Amino acid sequence: MYRSDRAPNETPCGKAVSEGHHDFVAIAVTARQGHGAPPCGSCRQVLHEFSPKTMVYWRDARGRIIRRRLDSLLPLAFRFPERRREKLRTATSSSI
């Protein structure tokens, strides 16, 4: 694994969760023109922990908008048991 810091989508996701937002409807990812930019695996996992049905939008290398549901991008995601997920939501919401 080669990673020195947080993945790009983790920071805004963490901020949203810390402010009590947990059920994301959609997220858009962008990159330089001519480069595809789907979210990385780490970002997919972080988003999936809170809202697996989130729609993800990005442009492919040709500039076309791609739309996929997050759980189809990460079919074998780690999942917290529902009770643990609720404790996480409560803990992050109350730590503001």
Foldseek 3Di string as FASTA:
>chain_A
DDDDDDFPQPVVLLVCLLQLDQAAAEDEFEDDAQAWDDGDPVNLQSNCARHQQHWYWIAHSVRDIDIDGSCVVPVPHDYDPPVVSVVVSVVSNVVD
